[in-house]
Amino acid sequence: MKRLALPAAGLALVVAGFGAGVAVSATAADDPVVVTRQSLAQVDRPAGAPHRTLGLGRVVVMPGAVLPPHHHAGTQLGYVDEGVLTYTVQTGRAKLMKGSGDDPTLVKVVRPGQTVKVRAGQWLVEEQGEVHHARNAGDVPIVIYLATLFRHGAPPAIPDRLTD
């Protein structure tokens, strides 16, 4: 597990984390912003996907953390187990879902410029190249489980710029 403690005053750090390039910035001068990530499982070149890496991870995003714009080199599912994630799509689209994987329900297709609150029990489907950013605007940590299927050798996240 990796733990990051960041002093404030505009400091930003990009962490090449498992399943997400977790980037955080601090907002309050005396309060560090902490993001932890844990790789739970990973297999290179699984059957049926010879040029991919399949992964499972857990990320904890503390209050005040900001994940700057980025995209992924494959499909990522992000299940919010605790807390509320404020999530914005810049390009492409993401699907906000709820329910079990056996009987999922589409809550909303999130299009460019739209922001949604992803609550505990909901999950996002992010497709390759979809640019998005997120933050923890709440008072409690957010716990997210990530399932990823990326091109083998690709970074977990590719930074992008914020668009208006």
Protein backbone atom coordinates (compact mmCIF):
# COMPACT_ATOMS: atom_id res chain seq x y z
CA MET A 1 0.00 0.00 0.00
CA LYS A 2 1.24 3.50 -0.75
CA ARG A 3 0.29 6.49 1.37
CA LEU A 4 0.76 10.10 0.38
CA ALA A 5 0.60 13.03 2.74
CA LEU A 6 0.70 16.37 1.00
CA PRO A 7 1.19 19.75 2.62
CA ALA A 8 -1.06 22.43 1.21
CA ALA A 9 -0.13 25.74 -0.42
CA GLY A 10 -0.84 24.59 -3.95
CA LEU A 11 1.38 21.51 -3.90
CA ALA A 12 0.26 18.88 -6.40
CA LEU A 13 1.63 15.40 -6.89
CA VAL A 14 0.86 12.82 -9.52
CA VAL A 15 1.12 9.23 -8.38
CA ALA A 16 1.33 6.51 -10.98
CA GLY A 17 -1.11 4.42 -9.01
CA PHE A 18 -2.71 1.10 -9.76
CA GLY A 19 -5.71 1.51 -12.01
CA ALA A 20 -5.71 5.27 -11.79
CA GLY A 21 -3.13 7.94 -12.05
CA VAL A 22 -4.10 9.39 -8.75
CA ALA A 23 -3.30 13.05 -8.56
CA VAL A 24 -4.10 15.10 -5.52
CA SER A 25 -3.77 18.68 -4.47
CA ALA A 26 -4.06 20.13 -1.02
CA THR A 27 -6.52 22.87 -0.16
CA ALA A 28 -5.98 23.85 3.47
CA ALA A 29 -2.64 25.13 4.77
CA ASP A 30 -2.38 22.87 7.83
CA ASP A 31 -4.27 19.80 6.64
CA PRO A 32 -2.48 17.23 4.52
CA VAL A 33 -4.47 15.56 1.77
CA VAL A 34 -3.94 11.83 1.74
CA VAL A 35 -4.66 9.28 -0.98
CA THR A 36 -3.85 5.63 -0.42
CA ARG A 37 -3.84 2.96 -3.06
CA GLN A 38 -3.54 -0.78 -2.82
CA SER A 39 -3.11 -3.26 -5.65
CA LEU A 40 -5.30 -6.21 -4.75
CA ALA A 41 -4.70 -8.41 -7.82
CA GLN A 42 -3.23 -8.18 -11.31
CA VAL A 43 -2.57 -10.54 -14.21
CA ASP A 44 -0.74 -9.76 -17.45
CA ARG A 45 -2.12 -11.13 -20.70
CA PRO A 46 -5.19 -12.96 -19.34
CA ALA A 47 -6.88 -15.57 -21.53
CA GLY A 48 -8.88 -13.86 -24.26
CA ALA A 49 -6.98 -10.59 -23.85
CA PRO A 50 -3.36 -11.34 -24.83
CA HIS A 51 -2.31 -7.70 -25.12
CA ARG A 52 -3.96 -6.48 -21.91
CA THR A 53 -3.41 -6.32 -18.16
CA LEU A 54 -6.36 -7.09 -15.89
CA GLY A 55 -6.26 -5.48 -12.47
CA LEU A 56 -8.16 -4.95 -9.24
CA GLY A 57 -7.35 -2.18 -6.79
CA ARG A 58 -8.60 -0.13 -3.86
CA VAL A 59 -8.17 3.63 -3.54
CA VAL A 60 -9.02 5.85 -0.57
CA VAL A 61 -9.49 9.56 -1.35
CA MET A 62 -9.47 11.83 1.69
CA PRO A 63 -11.61 14.98 1.93
CA GLY A 64 -10.21 17.83 -0.15
CA ALA A 65 -8.31 15.64 -2.61
CA VAL A 66 -8.56 16.59 -6.30
CA LEU A 67 -7.87 14.18 -9.16
CA PRO A 68 -6.89 16.36 -12.17
CA PRO A 69 -8.00 15.58 -15.74
CA HIS A 70 -6.79 12.24 -17.08
CA HIS A 71 -7.83 9.31 -19.24
CA HIS A 72 -7.07 5.60 -19.37
CA ALA A 73 -5.60 3.26 -21.97
CA GLY A 74 -8.49 0.83 -21.65
CA THR A 75 -11.71 0.22 -19.75
CA GLN A 76 -11.98 0.95 -16.03
CA LEU A 77 -14.83 0.23 -13.62
CA GLY A 78 -14.85 2.34 -10.46
CA TYR A 79 -17.18 1.17 -7.65
CA VAL A 80 -17.71 3.68 -4.83
CA ASP A 81 -17.96 1.70 -1.60
CA GLU A 82 -17.96 4.64 0.83
CA GLY A 83 -18.37 8.41 0.45
CA VAL A 84 -19.47 10.56 -2.49
CA LEU A 85 -17.21 11.28 -5.48
CA THR A 86 -17.77 14.49 -7.49
CA TYR A 87 -17.00 13.42 -11.06
CA THR A 88 -16.86 15.46 -14.30
CA VAL A 89 -16.48 14.27 -17.90
CA GLN A 90 -14.51 16.51 -20.27
CA THR A 91 -14.51 14.41 -23.46
CA GLY A 92 -16.20 11.15 -24.36
CA ARG A 93 -18.79 9.76 -22.02
CA ALA A 94 -18.99 7.62 -18.92
CA LYS A 95 -21.83 5.49 -17.65
CA LEU A 96 -23.03 5.91 -14.07
CA MET A 97 -24.51 2.61 -12.90
CA LYS A 98 -26.10 1.13 -9.77
CA GLY A 99 -27.05 -2.33 -8.66
CA SER A 100 -25.14 -5.56 -8.82
CA GLY A 101 -23.05 -6.60 -11.78
CA ASP A 102 -25.61 -9.35 -12.43
CA ASP A 103 -28.48 -6.86 -12.67
CA PRO A 104 -27.04 -3.38 -13.34
CA THR A 105 -29.18 -0.29 -13.85
CA LEU A 106 -28.04 2.71 -15.88
CA VAL A 107 -28.43 5.85 -13.77
CA LYS A 108 -27.06 8.33 -16.30
CA VAL A 109 -24.80 8.68 -19.30
CA VAL A 110 -22.38 11.43 -18.24
CA ARG A 111 -21.50 13.60 -21.22
CA PRO A 112 -18.84 16.31 -21.72
CA GLY A 113 -19.31 19.19 -19.28
CA GLN A 114 -21.60 17.23 -16.97
CA THR A 115 -20.80 16.63 -13.30
CA VAL A 116 -22.38 13.91 -11.19
CA LYS A 117 -22.21 12.78 -7.59
CA VAL A 118 -21.23 9.11 -7.47
CA ARG A 119 -22.62 7.74 -4.23
CA ALA A 120 -21.81 4.58 -2.30
CA GLY A 121 -23.19 1.58 -4.18
CA GLN A 122 -22.88 3.27 -7.58
CA TRP A 123 -20.16 2.67 -10.16
CA LEU A 124 -18.68 4.25 -13.25
CA VAL A 125 -17.79 2.65 -16.56
CA GLU A 126 -14.93 4.64 -18.12
CA GLU A 127 -13.95 3.73 -21.66
CA GLN A 128 -10.54 4.17 -23.25
CA GLY A 129 -9.69 7.82 -23.95
CA GLU A 130 -12.59 9.38 -22.01
CA VAL A 131 -11.14 12.43 -20.21
CA HIS A 132 -12.46 13.12 -16.71
CA HIS A 133 -11.55 14.64 -13.37
CA ALA A 134 -12.88 14.17 -9.85
CA ARG A 135 -12.67 15.36 -6.27
CA ASN A 136 -13.74 14.61 -2.74
CA ALA A 137 -15.84 17.61 -1.76
CA GLY A 138 -17.22 15.81 1.29
CA ASP A 139 -16.18 15.41 4.90
CA VAL A 140 -15.52 11.66 4.84
CA PRO A 141 -13.01 9.52 2.92
CA ILE A 142 -14.11 7.95 -0.36
CA VAL A 143 -13.31 4.27 -0.87
CA ILE A 144 -13.26 3.14 -4.51
CA TYR A 145 -12.65 -0.34 -5.90
CA LEU A 146 -11.22 -0.35 -9.43
CA ALA A 147 -11.31 -3.08 -12.05
CA THR A 148 -9.14 -2.31 -15.06
CA LEU A 149 -8.43 -3.82 -18.45
CA PHE A 150 -5.64 -1.76 -20.02
CA ARG A 151 -3.19 -2.30 -22.85
CA HIS A 152 -0.24 -4.29 -21.52
CA GLY A 153 2.50 -1.91 -20.41
CA ALA A 154 0.28 1.19 -20.55
CA PRO A 155 0.38 3.62 -17.63
CA PRO A 156 -2.63 3.48 -15.30
CA ALA A 157 -3.59 7.05 -16.21
CA ILE A 158 -2.56 9.58 -18.79
CA PRO A 159 -2.68 13.25 -17.66
CA ASP A 160 -4.76 15.76 -19.63
CA ARG A 161 -5.54 19.46 -19.39
CA LEU A 162 -8.64 21.00 -17.89
CA THR A 163 -10.94 22.41 -20.56
CA ASP A 164 -13.56 25.11 -20.15
